[in-house]
Amino acid sequence: MAKIVVIGGTGLIGSKVVAKLTEHGHEAIAASPQTGVNTLTGEGLAEVLTGANTVVDVSNSPSFEAKAVLEFFTTSTRNLLEAETAAGVTHHVALTIVGTNRPQNIDYFAAKVAQEKLIRESGMGYSLVHATQFFEFVGSIADISTEGDTVRLPGALIQPIAAEDVATAVARAAAGAPQGDIEIAGPEAFGMDEFARRALAFRGDPRTVVRDDSATYYGAQIEERTLIPIEGAQIFETTLEEWLPLNPPRK
């Protein structure tokens, strides 16, 4: 069994990845600033990577502002890849987004594209797990799109996925050989407005969701199919209707 270090291992996805890998007999180490490992400064990296075969990076930027998010992903990824090379790591797994290989003007996506480029050009064996939007973020998407009692969202298609299924895909990638690019998604595609409408209705939220194709998604206009997977993606089974009763709004 392998020693696998999970960067961002105390977060939403990372904690689930650590649990799944441990359950299957791997030595999975949760690494984050909480455990004394900081990829931005390099603190603790050399120590935690000693003897590691694989590194999983599911860390996320604390800010989505264009300059800050780009700085986070490029600096942390450079530091991580350098430390991995020194430690003899042979497989780098990173969680990224469906749609980074398509035209769009989302600052967060641009930062993930820069991260992916560093990984591809590093010479390290890699697996890039491109996930669609998580069910878990439906509340925050609605909140940032709210004016008064109205939520305005475009009808652009999304095919959201449960965080539990994302963690399963990432853990599988980490336990195997480098695979290059992988796309994962949930089982249903629907408009972003419909995604929010169904979730808010289930939760008894009184806000009205209106389709407005001029509305933005994290500050950017998106095309109808930017955020859905291409043919050949791994499709997971958890539906929104199955997920909602088990997941009250995040605090």
C-alpha atoms as a PDB file:
ATOM      1  CA  MET A   1       0.000   0.000   0.000  1.00  0.00           C
ATOM      2  CA  ALA A   2       1.132   3.523  -0.802  1.00  0.00           C
ATOM      3  CA  LYS A   3       1.868   6.586   1.301  1.00  0.00           C
ATOM      4  CA  ILE A   4      -0.409   9.268  -0.141  1.00  0.00           C
ATOM      5  CA  VAL A   5      -0.269  12.879   1.042  1.00  0.00           C
ATOM      6  CA  VAL A   6      -3.493  14.842   0.606  1.00  0.00           C
ATOM      7  CA  ILE A   7      -2.916  18.601   0.380  1.00  0.00           C
ATOM      8  CA  GLY A   8      -6.077  20.285   1.620  1.00  0.00           C
ATOM      9  CA  GLY A   9      -6.741  17.066   3.502  1.00  0.00           C
ATOM     10  CA  THR A  10      -8.793  18.698   6.257  1.00  0.00           C
ATOM     11  CA  GLY A  11     -11.339  20.326   3.903  1.00  0.00           C
ATOM     12  CA  LEU A  12     -14.663  19.237   2.371  1.00  0.00           C
ATOM     13  CA  ILE A  13     -13.184  16.952  -0.301  1.00  0.00           C
ATOM     14  CA  GLY A  14      -9.801  16.266   1.291  1.00  0.00           C
ATOM     15  CA  SER A  15     -11.177  14.806   4.507  1.00  0.00           C
ATOM     16  CA  LYS A  16     -13.369  12.422   2.497  1.00  0.00           C
ATOM     17  CA  VAL A  17     -10.413  11.417   0.281  1.00  0.00           C
ATOM     18  CA  VAL A  18      -8.258  10.670   3.333  1.00  0.00           C
ATOM     19  CA  ALA A  19     -11.034   8.530   4.838  1.00  0.00           C
ATOM     20  CA  LYS A  20     -11.571   6.563   1.630  1.00  0.00           C
ATOM     21  CA  LEU A  21      -7.855   5.892   1.084  1.00  0.00           C
ATOM     22  CA  THR A  22      -7.369   4.863   4.714  1.00  0.00           C
ATOM     23  CA  GLU A  23     -10.346   2.515   4.469  1.00  0.00           C
ATOM     24  CA  HIS A  24      -8.610   0.769   1.562  1.00  0.00           C
ATOM     25  CA  GLY A  25      -5.375   0.273   3.497  1.00  0.00           C
ATOM     26  CA  HIS A  26      -3.279   3.178   2.248  1.00  0.00           C
ATOM     27  CA  GLU A  27      -1.279   5.458   4.519  1.00  0.00           C
ATOM     28  CA  ALA A  28      -3.169   8.671   3.819  1.00  0.00           C
ATOM     29  CA  ILE A  29      -1.812  11.850   5.402  1.00  0.00           C
ATOM     30  CA  ALA A  30      -3.988  14.967   5.715  1.00  0.00           C
ATOM     31  CA  ALA A  31      -1.788  18.001   5.041  1.00  0.00           C
ATOM     32  CA  SER A  32      -2.972  21.590   5.456  1.00  0.00           C
ATOM     33  CA  PRO A  33      -2.025  24.718   7.397  1.00  0.00           C
ATOM     34  CA  GLN A  34      -3.956  23.159  10.304  1.00  0.00           C
ATOM     35  CA  THR A  35      -1.452  20.277  10.356  1.00  0.00           C
ATOM     36  CA  GLY A  36       1.619  22.498   9.861  1.00  0.00           C
ATOM     37  CA  VAL A  37       1.896  22.175   6.064  1.00  0.00           C
ATOM     38  CA  ASN A  38       1.654  25.356   3.998  1.00  0.00           C
ATOM     39  CA  THR A  39       2.118  25.105   0.239  1.00  0.00           C
ATOM     40  CA  LEU A  40       2.295  28.892  -0.180  1.00  0.00           C
ATOM     41  CA  THR A  41       5.316  29.250   2.100  1.00  0.00           C
ATOM     42  CA  GLY A  42       6.687  25.717   1.701  1.00  0.00           C
ATOM     43  CA  GLU A  43       6.473  25.137   5.458  1.00  0.00           C
ATOM     44  CA  GLY A  44       6.388  21.439   6.355  1.00  0.00           C
ATOM     45  CA  LEU A  45       6.391  20.177   2.755  1.00  0.00           C
ATOM     46  CA  ALA A  46       9.733  18.352   2.768  1.00  0.00           C
ATOM     47  CA  GLU A  47       8.878  16.561   6.016  1.00  0.00           C
ATOM     48  CA  VAL A  48       5.371  15.420   5.060  1.00  0.00           C
ATOM     49  CA  LEU A  49       6.432  14.226   1.595  1.00  0.00           C
ATOM     50  CA  THR A  50       9.233  11.976   2.869  1.00  0.00           C
ATOM     51  CA  GLY A  51       8.527   8.472   1.605  1.00  0.00           C
ATOM     52  CA  ALA A  52       5.384   9.497  -0.290  1.00  0.00           C
ATOM     53  CA  ASN A  53       4.497   7.812  -3.589  1.00  0.00           C
ATOM     54  CA  THR A  54       1.595  10.066  -4.525  1.00  0.00           C
ATOM     55  CA  VAL A  55       0.419  13.580  -3.721  1.00  0.00           C
ATOM     56  CA  VAL A  56      -3.217  14.639  -4.039  1.00  0.00           C
ATOM     57  CA  ASP A  57      -3.902  18.380  -4.236  1.00  0.00           C
ATOM     58  CA  VAL A  58      -7.478  19.355  -3.386  1.00  0.00           C
ATOM     59  CA  SER A  59      -6.529  22.651  -1.738  1.00  0.00           C
ATOM     60  CA  ASN A  60      -8.437  25.789  -2.635  1.00  0.00           C
ATOM     61  CA  SER A  61      -7.795  29.512  -2.673  1.00  0.00           C
ATOM     62  CA  PRO A  62      -9.310  31.503   0.196  1.00  0.00           C
ATOM     63  CA  SER A  63     -10.040  34.325  -2.272  1.00  0.00           C
ATOM     64  CA  PHE A  64     -11.662  34.220  -5.732  1.00  0.00           C
ATOM     65  CA  GLU A  65     -10.330  37.678  -6.651  1.00  0.00           C
ATOM     66  CA  ALA A  66      -8.447  37.403  -9.953  1.00  0.00           C
ATOM     67  CA  LYS A  67      -4.927  38.253  -8.779  1.00  0.00           C
ATOM     68  CA  ALA A  68      -5.214  36.415  -5.451  1.00  0.00           C
ATOM     69  CA  VAL A  69      -6.562  33.174  -6.883  1.00  0.00           C
ATOM     70  CA  LEU A  70      -3.946  33.089  -9.652  1.00  0.00           C
ATOM     71  CA  GLU A  71      -1.176  33.746  -7.103  1.00  0.00           C
ATOM     72  CA  PHE A  72      -2.492  30.979  -4.835  1.00  0.00           C
ATOM     73  CA  PHE A  73      -2.651  28.226  -7.454  1.00  0.00           C
ATOM     74  CA  THR A  74       0.600  29.066  -9.242  1.00  0.00           C
ATOM     75  CA  THR A  75       2.705  29.601  -6.107  1.00  0.00           C
ATOM     76  CA  SER A  76       1.376  26.601  -4.205  1.00  0.00           C
ATOM     77  CA  THR A  77       1.627  24.297  -7.224  1.00  0.00           C
ATOM     78  CA  ARG A  78       5.212  25.347  -8.011  1.00  0.00           C
ATOM     79  CA  ASN A  79       6.247  24.791  -4.401  1.00  0.00           C
ATOM     80  CA  LEU A  80       4.480  21.456  -4.284  1.00  0.00           C
ATOM     81  CA  LEU A  81       5.926  20.119  -7.546  1.00  0.00           C
ATOM     82  CA  GLU A  82       9.442  21.186  -6.525  1.00  0.00           C
ATOM     83  CA  ALA A  83       9.121  19.440  -3.173  1.00  0.00           C
ATOM     84  CA  GLU A  84       7.633  16.333  -4.807  1.00  0.00           C
ATOM     85  CA  THR A  85      10.547  16.065  -7.229  1.00  0.00           C
ATOM     86  CA  ALA A  86      13.024  16.327  -4.360  1.00  0.00           C
ATOM     87  CA  ALA A  87      11.134  13.648  -2.407  1.00  0.00           C
ATOM     88  CA  GLY A  88      10.886  11.206  -5.319  1.00  0.00           C
ATOM     89  CA  VAL A  89       7.086  11.385  -5.644  1.00  0.00           C
ATOM     90  CA  THR A  90       5.933   9.770  -8.904  1.00  0.00           C
ATOM     91  CA  HIS A  91       2.231  10.695  -9.170  1.00  0.00           C
ATOM     92  CA  HIS A  92       0.567  14.084  -8.747  1.00  0.00           C
ATOM     93  CA  VAL A  93      -3.239  14.136  -8.574  1.00  0.00           C
ATOM     94  CA  ALA A  94      -5.075  17.459  -8.698  1.00  0.00           C
ATOM     95  CA  LEU A  95      -8.761  18.281  -8.512  1.00  0.00           C
ATOM     96  CA  THR A  96      -9.775  20.800 -11.150  1.00  0.00           C
ATOM     97  CA  ILE A  97     -12.893  21.835 -13.090  1.00  0.00           C
ATOM     98  CA  VAL A  98     -14.850  20.726 -16.130  1.00  0.00           C
ATOM     99  CA  GLY A  99     -14.674  23.564 -18.658  1.00  0.00           C
ATOM    100  CA  THR A 100     -11.104  24.770 -18.180  1.00  0.00           C
ATOM    101  CA  ASN A 101     -10.307  23.590 -21.717  1.00  0.00           C
ATOM    102  CA  ARG A 102     -13.108  25.707 -23.255  1.00  0.00           C
ATOM    103  CA  PRO A 103     -13.363  29.426 -23.967  1.00  0.00           C
ATOM    104  CA  GLN A 104     -14.583  31.341 -20.891  1.00  0.00           C
ATOM    105  CA  ASN A 105     -13.643  34.450 -18.933  1.00  0.00           C
ATOM    106  CA  ILE A 106     -13.971  33.251 -15.340  1.00  0.00           C
ATOM    107  CA  ASP A 107     -11.004  34.380 -13.209  1.00  0.00           C
ATOM    108  CA  TYR A 108     -11.084  31.226 -11.077  1.00  0.00           C
ATOM    109  CA  PHE A 109     -10.988  29.035 -14.185  1.00  0.00           C
ATOM    110  CA  ALA A 110      -8.023  31.007 -15.550  1.00  0.00           C
ATOM    111  CA  ALA A 111      -6.134  30.278 -12.331  1.00  0.00           C
ATOM    112  CA  LYS A 112      -6.946  26.565 -12.597  1.00  0.00           C
ATOM    113  CA  VAL A 113      -5.740  26.582 -16.231  1.00  0.00           C
ATOM    114  CA  ALA A 114      -2.420  28.024 -15.031  1.00  0.00           C
ATOM    115  CA  GLN A 115      -2.219  25.324 -12.351  1.00  0.00           C
ATOM    116  CA  GLU A 116      -2.932  22.570 -14.889  1.00  0.00           C
ATOM    117  CA  LYS A 117      -0.224  23.927 -17.223  1.00  0.00           C
ATOM    118  CA  LEU A 118       2.400  23.781 -14.456  1.00  0.00           C
ATOM    119  CA  ILE A 119       1.454  20.174 -13.692  1.00  0.00           C
ATOM    120  CA  ARG A 120       1.446  19.050 -17.334  1.00  0.00           C
ATOM    121  CA  GLU A 121       4.847  20.631 -17.966  1.00  0.00           C
ATOM    122  CA  SER A 122       6.467  19.356 -14.761  1.00  0.00           C
ATOM    123  CA  GLY A 123       7.539  15.959 -16.090  1.00  0.00           C
ATOM    124  CA  MET A 124       5.696  14.341 -13.171  1.00  0.00           C
ATOM    125  CA  GLY A 125       3.169  11.561 -13.791  1.00  0.00           C
ATOM    126  CA  TYR A 126      -0.207  13.196 -13.233  1.00  0.00           C
ATOM    127  CA  SER A 127      -3.945  12.729 -13.044  1.00  0.00           C
ATOM    128  CA  LEU A 128      -6.162  15.811 -13.389  1.00  0.00           C
ATOM    129  CA  VAL A 129      -9.683  15.119 -12.152  1.00  0.00           C
ATOM    130  CA  HIS A 130     -12.023  17.648 -13.807  1.00  0.00           C
ATOM    131  CA  ALA A 131     -15.260  17.830 -11.801  1.00  0.00           C
ATOM    132  CA  THR A 132     -18.515  19.615 -12.509  1.00  0.00           C
ATOM    133  CA  GLN A 133     -20.032  21.963  -9.912  1.00  0.00           C
ATOM    134  CA  PHE A 134     -20.734  20.353  -6.532  1.00  0.00           C
ATOM    135  CA  PHE A 135     -24.263  20.064  -5.123  1.00  0.00           C
ATOM    136  CA  GLU A 136     -22.777  21.506  -1.920  1.00  0.00           C
ATOM    137  CA  PHE A 137     -22.399  24.955  -3.488  1.00  0.00           C
ATOM    138  CA  VAL A 138     -26.003  25.459  -4.620  1.00  0.00           C
ATOM    139  CA  GLY A 139     -26.670  27.684  -1.598  1.00  0.00           C
ATOM    140  CA  SER A 140     -23.705  29.979  -2.183  1.00  0.00           C
ATOM    141  CA  ILE A 141     -24.493  30.210  -5.926  1.00  0.00           C
ATOM    142  CA  ALA A 142     -28.019  31.325  -5.058  1.00  0.00           C
ATOM    143  CA  ASP A 143     -26.767  33.760  -2.413  1.00  0.00           C
ATOM    144  CA  ILE A 144     -24.334  35.608  -4.690  1.00  0.00           C
ATOM    145  CA  SER A 145     -27.058  35.823  -7.362  1.00  0.00           C
ATOM    146  CA  THR A 146     -29.738  37.293  -5.071  1.00  0.00           C
ATOM    147  CA  GLU A 147     -31.186  40.807  -5.373  1.00  0.00           C
ATOM    148  CA  GLY A 148     -33.850  41.385  -2.746  1.00  0.00           C
ATOM    149  CA  ASP A 149     -36.047  38.278  -2.857  1.00  0.00           C
ATOM    150  CA  THR A 150     -35.082  37.306  -6.405  1.00  0.00           C
ATOM    151  CA  VAL A 151     -32.314  34.944  -7.530  1.00  0.00           C
ATOM    152  CA  ARG A 152     -31.215  35.640 -11.101  1.00  0.00           C
ATOM    153  CA  LEU A 153     -29.279  32.886 -12.830  1.00  0.00           C
ATOM    154  CA  PRO A 154     -28.619  31.938 -16.446  1.00  0.00           C
ATOM    155  CA  GLY A 155     -30.080  28.839 -18.065  1.00  0.00           C
ATOM    156  CA  ALA A 156     -26.598  27.602 -18.979  1.00  0.00           C
ATOM    157  CA  LEU A 157     -26.395  23.862 -18.402  1.00  0.00           C
ATOM    158  CA  ILE A 158     -24.639  22.245 -15.471  1.00  0.00           C
ATOM    159  CA  GLN A 159     -24.381  18.595 -14.457  1.00  0.00           C
ATOM    160  CA  PRO A 160     -23.634  18.849 -10.727  1.00  0.00           C
ATOM    161  CA  ILE A 161     -22.068  16.130  -8.613  1.00  0.00           C
ATOM    162  CA  ALA A 162     -22.029  15.217  -4.917  1.00  0.00           C
ATOM    163  CA  ALA A 163     -18.802  15.948  -3.005  1.00  0.00           C
ATOM    164  CA  GLU A 164     -18.832  12.319  -1.824  1.00  0.00           C
ATOM    165  CA  ASP A 165     -18.655  11.152  -5.452  1.00  0.00           C
ATOM    166  CA  VAL A 166     -15.883  13.656  -6.229  1.00  0.00           C
ATOM    167  CA  ALA A 167     -13.878  12.245  -3.323  1.00  0.00           C
ATOM    168  CA  THR A 168     -14.422   8.707  -4.616  1.00  0.00           C
ATOM    169  CA  ALA A 169     -13.075   9.680  -8.043  1.00  0.00           C
ATOM    170  CA  VAL A 170     -10.059  11.474  -6.569  1.00  0.00           C
ATOM    171  CA  ALA A 171      -9.260   8.565  -4.238  1.00  0.00           C
ATOM    172  CA  ARG A 172      -9.471   6.086  -7.127  1.00  0.00           C
ATOM    173  CA  ALA A 173      -7.107   8.234  -9.185  1.00  0.00           C
ATOM    174  CA  ALA A 174      -4.674   8.467  -6.272  1.00  0.00           C
ATOM    175  CA  ALA A 175      -4.657   4.713  -5.713  1.00  0.00           C
ATOM    176  CA  GLY A 176      -3.875   3.982  -9.371  1.00  0.00           C
ATOM    177  CA  ALA A 177      -1.334   4.901 -12.034  1.00  0.00           C
ATOM    178  CA  PRO A 178      -1.244   8.366 -13.644  1.00  0.00           C
ATOM    179  CA  GLN A 179      -4.167   8.766 -16.061  1.00  0.00           C
ATOM    180  CA  GLY A 180      -3.783  12.265 -17.482  1.00  0.00           C
ATOM    181  CA  ASP A 181      -7.119  14.081 -17.770  1.00  0.00           C
ATOM    182  CA  ILE A 182     -10.338  12.613 -16.344  1.00  0.00           C
ATOM    183  CA  GLU A 183     -13.787  14.247 -16.377  1.00  0.00           C
ATOM    184  CA  ILE A 184     -16.446  13.416 -13.774  1.00  0.00           C
ATOM    185  CA  ALA A 185     -20.051  14.550 -13.407  1.00  0.00           C
ATOM    186  CA  GLY A 186     -23.371  13.797 -11.789  1.00  0.00           C
ATOM    187  CA  PRO A 187     -26.174  11.999 -13.640  1.00  0.00           C
ATOM    188  CA  GLU A 188     -28.423  14.945 -14.583  1.00  0.00           C
ATOM    189  CA  ALA A 189     -27.930  18.067 -16.680  1.00  0.00           C
ATOM    190  CA  PHE A 190     -30.212  21.032 -16.123  1.00  0.00           C
ATOM    191  CA  GLY A 191     -30.112  24.820 -16.290  1.00  0.00           C
ATOM    192  CA  MET A 192     -28.312  26.644 -13.513  1.00  0.00           C
ATOM    193  CA  ASP A 193     -31.553  28.434 -12.662  1.00  0.00           C
ATOM    194  CA  GLU A 194     -33.336  25.084 -12.347  1.00  0.00           C
ATOM    195  CA  PHE A 195     -30.561  23.753 -10.085  1.00  0.00           C
ATOM    196  CA  ALA A 196     -31.112  26.611  -7.643  1.00  0.00           C
ATOM    197  CA  ARG A 197     -34.910  26.547  -7.998  1.00  0.00           C
ATOM    198  CA  ARG A 198     -35.170  22.854  -7.096  1.00  0.00           C
ATOM    199  CA  ALA A 199     -32.842  23.164  -4.116  1.00  0.00           C
ATOM    200  CA  LEU A 200     -34.461  26.301  -2.685  1.00  0.00           C
ATOM    201  CA  ALA A 201     -37.967  24.863  -3.137  1.00  0.00           C
ATOM    202  CA  PHE A 202     -36.989  21.678  -1.285  1.00  0.00           C
ATOM    203  CA  ARG A 203     -35.500  23.718   1.556  1.00  0.00           C
ATOM    204  CA  GLY A 204     -38.562  25.957   1.846  1.00  0.00           C
ATOM    205  CA  ASP A 205     -36.568  29.038   0.843  1.00  0.00           C
ATOM    206  CA  PRO A 206     -39.026  31.829  -0.130  1.00  0.00           C
ATOM    207  CA  ARG A 207     -36.800  33.431  -2.758  1.00  0.00           C
ATOM    208  CA  THR A 208     -37.971  33.356  -6.382  1.00  0.00           C
ATOM    209  CA  VAL A 209     -35.498  32.007  -8.944  1.00  0.00           C
ATOM    210  CA  VAL A 210     -35.689  33.721 -12.344  1.00  0.00           C
ATOM    211  CA  ARG A 211     -33.897  32.620 -15.493  1.00  0.00           C
ATOM    212  CA  ASP A 212     -31.874  35.526 -16.806  1.00  0.00           C
ATOM    213  CA  ASP A 213     -29.338  34.638 -19.475  1.00  0.00           C
ATOM    214  CA  SER A 214     -27.603  37.985 -18.989  1.00  0.00           C
ATOM    215  CA  ALA A 215     -26.913  37.087 -15.353  1.00  0.00           C
ATOM    216  CA  THR A 216     -23.378  36.079 -14.449  1.00  0.00           C
ATOM    217  CA  TYR A 217     -21.839  33.007 -12.831  1.00  0.00           C
ATOM    218  CA  TYR A 218     -19.155  34.084 -10.334  1.00  0.00           C
ATOM    219  CA  GLY A 219     -18.986  37.397 -12.170  1.00  0.00           C
ATOM    220  CA  ALA A 220     -18.690  36.043 -15.706  1.00  0.00           C
ATOM    221  CA  GLN A 221     -21.062  35.290 -18.574  1.00  0.00           C
ATOM    222  CA  ILE A 222     -20.989  31.642 -19.610  1.00  0.00           C
ATOM    223  CA  GLU A 223     -22.031  29.741 -22.702  1.00  0.00           C
ATOM    224  CA  GLU A 224     -24.748  27.089 -22.570  1.00  0.00           C
ATOM    225  CA  ARG A 225     -22.392  24.077 -22.527  1.00  0.00           C
ATOM    226  CA  THR A 226     -19.205  25.430 -20.879  1.00  0.00           C
ATOM    227  CA  LEU A 227     -19.826  23.670 -17.557  1.00  0.00           C
ATOM    228  CA  ILE A 228     -20.997  20.220 -18.666  1.00  0.00           C
ATOM    229  CA  PRO A 229     -18.724  17.249 -19.406  1.00  0.00           C
ATOM    230  CA  ILE A 230     -17.657  15.974 -22.785  1.00  0.00           C
ATOM    231  CA  GLU A 231     -18.449  12.498 -24.067  1.00  0.00           C
ATOM    232  CA  GLY A 232     -16.541   9.803 -22.185  1.00  0.00           C
ATOM    233  CA  ALA A 233     -16.791  11.418 -18.748  1.00  0.00           C
ATOM    234  CA  GLN A 234     -17.238   9.198 -15.689  1.00  0.00           C
ATOM    235  CA  ILE A 235     -20.859   9.642 -14.572  1.00  0.00           C
ATOM    236  CA  PHE A 236     -21.704   9.120 -10.899  1.00  0.00           C
ATOM    237  CA  GLU A 237     -25.147   8.080  -9.691  1.00  0.00           C
ATOM    238  CA  THR A 238     -26.136  10.429  -6.853  1.00  0.00           C
ATOM    239  CA  THR A 239     -29.058  12.643  -7.949  1.00  0.00           C
ATOM    240  CA  LEU A 240     -30.040  16.023  -6.566  1.00  0.00           C
ATOM    241  CA  GLU A 241     -33.252  14.505  -5.140  1.00  0.00           C
ATOM    242  CA  GLU A 242     -31.227  11.866  -3.292  1.00  0.00           C
ATOM    243  CA  TRP A 243     -28.694  14.385  -2.035  1.00  0.00           C
ATOM    244  CA  LEU A 244     -31.004  17.149  -0.779  1.00  0.00           C
ATOM    245  CA  PRO A 245     -32.685  15.309   2.159  1.00  0.00           C
ATOM    246  CA  LEU A 246     -29.281  14.328   3.554  1.00  0.00           C
ATOM    247  CA  ASN A 247     -27.671  17.757   3.216  1.00  0.00           C
ATOM    248  CA  PRO A 248     -29.232  20.769   4.936  1.00  0.00           C
ATOM    249  CA  PRO A 249     -27.882  24.222   4.000  1.00  0.00           C
ATOM    250  CA  ARG A 250     -24.212  24.723   4.857  1.00  0.00           C
ATOM    251  CA  LYS A 251     -23.568  27.224   7.644  1.00  0.00           C
END
